[in-house]
Amino acid sequence: MQHPLCFCCVVLIVLMSGSLCRAETVIIDCLITPDIYHFFKEREIKNTQIKIIHPGCFLSHPLFIDSNTSLSGEKSAQIQQTFTLPDTVGVINISSGDSTRAVSNVQISGVYFIGGAEKNGFAEHDPLISIFNAHDVTLSNLNLTGFRGDGVYVGQGNVVSNHHIVIRNVIFDGVNFSNRNGISIIDGHDILIDGNRFTRISRKGMPGSIDLEPNTSLQRIYNIMISRNHFTDVHGMAAIVISLRHAGGTVPDNVTIKGNIFDKVVRGILIKSAIPKIHVNNNFHIFDNRSSSASKGDYSICNVNAATGNNLPAIEKYSDSCWKSLRINQDVLQ
C-alpha cells in the first residue's frame, strides 16, 4: 500500500518497492518538481529508472548515480545547472560517491543538459558529467551544452579502471568556448565514442574536443574507438588530442580514429609528448578521416620518435617544444 507521504513528494511514482517512497520507476514532472536534487538528496539513486518529463528541471547540488540506474528524458526534458562545483565533481556523477566500490550498468539518454558557462564562465575542473570507478555505462542521444570544464570527464578508477563506456549520438556544444574539452579520458579502456557532434568548444590553450591524457603511472588508456564524429569550430589545440605524457607504461594503446570529419578546427589530430623524443611502441590506427579548414595542420605530431611498425611516421629529431607541430599528409597515417 502506498504511504500517504509519497503524495507530498510531488512526483509520480509507480511500481512501488517494499520501502516507503522508494520506487523502481520514478517519473519527475519538471513543471511540478523542478529541483531534482531536492527529491533525491536523502535517497540512494540505485536500481532505479528515472524519467524526466517537460523542460524546466534544475539541479541545486551535484547528483550521484549508482548501479543499475537509468536516467532518460521525454517531452523536451531539460536539466539546468544552478550552482558552482568543487573541482572534479560533476553536475551528474556516475559514481558511488565514496570511491570504495565500482558502479555498473548506468544509462543516460534523451536529456538536454545546460551547464553554467554562459553565466559563470570557464572552470577547467568542473565537468558536466563525470565517471569514476564505473563500467558498462552508456550516454546516448543527449545534448550537453555550456559546460564550464568538460562535457564528459572519465577520471581515475581507484577501485576499477573505467571500462565498457559508450558515448554515442551526443551533441557537445560549448556555446561560448569557455570550457576545457568535450570529452576527457584520464583512465579507461574499451571505450567507444561514435556519431557525436562537437562545436564551439575549448578556450585557447586547452586540448580540444576529445583528450586522451593519462597523468600518472596508475592511469591507463587502451582499446579506444573514435569514429564517425563531426567536429566544427574548435578553438583548442585540436579536435582530437592524444597525450604521450609518460614513458613508463602509460602511453595510450590501441587507439583507432576513423571516419571523422574536421571542419574549422586548429588541428584535426594532435599526438604530443611532454617528454622530448619519446618512443611510441603502441598501436595507433588513423584512417578515412576528412579535414577542411584546419589552420595548423590536419594531423600533427610533436616530440615523438615513432617506433618501427607503427602507423606513425618515424621522426629521428624534432623540436623540443611540444606546441610546435609537424604537419603530415593523411596518407602517411593509413
Foldseek 3Di string as FASTA:
>chain_A
DADPCLVVLQWDAPCDDDDHNDHLETEGECVRVQEPCVSPVPPAQENHEYEYEDDRHEYAAAAEHAANYEYAYDHQYEYEYDDDDDFQGASYEDDNVPLPAAGEDYEYAHYEYAYCCVPPFADARYEHYEYERYEHYEYAHYEQEQTRHEPYEYDQHPHDFYEHYEYEHYEYYNPAQRYAEPYEHAAYEHYEYEHYEYASYHDEPHAKHYEDHHDDQRGAAEHYEYAQYEYEHIRYLEHYEQEPEDLPRRRYAHYEYAHYEEYQAQEHYEYFYLAAAREDPHEYAYDHYYYDNNNQEHYWYGRYQYDPPYLADGDPDDDNDRSNTDHDDRVSND
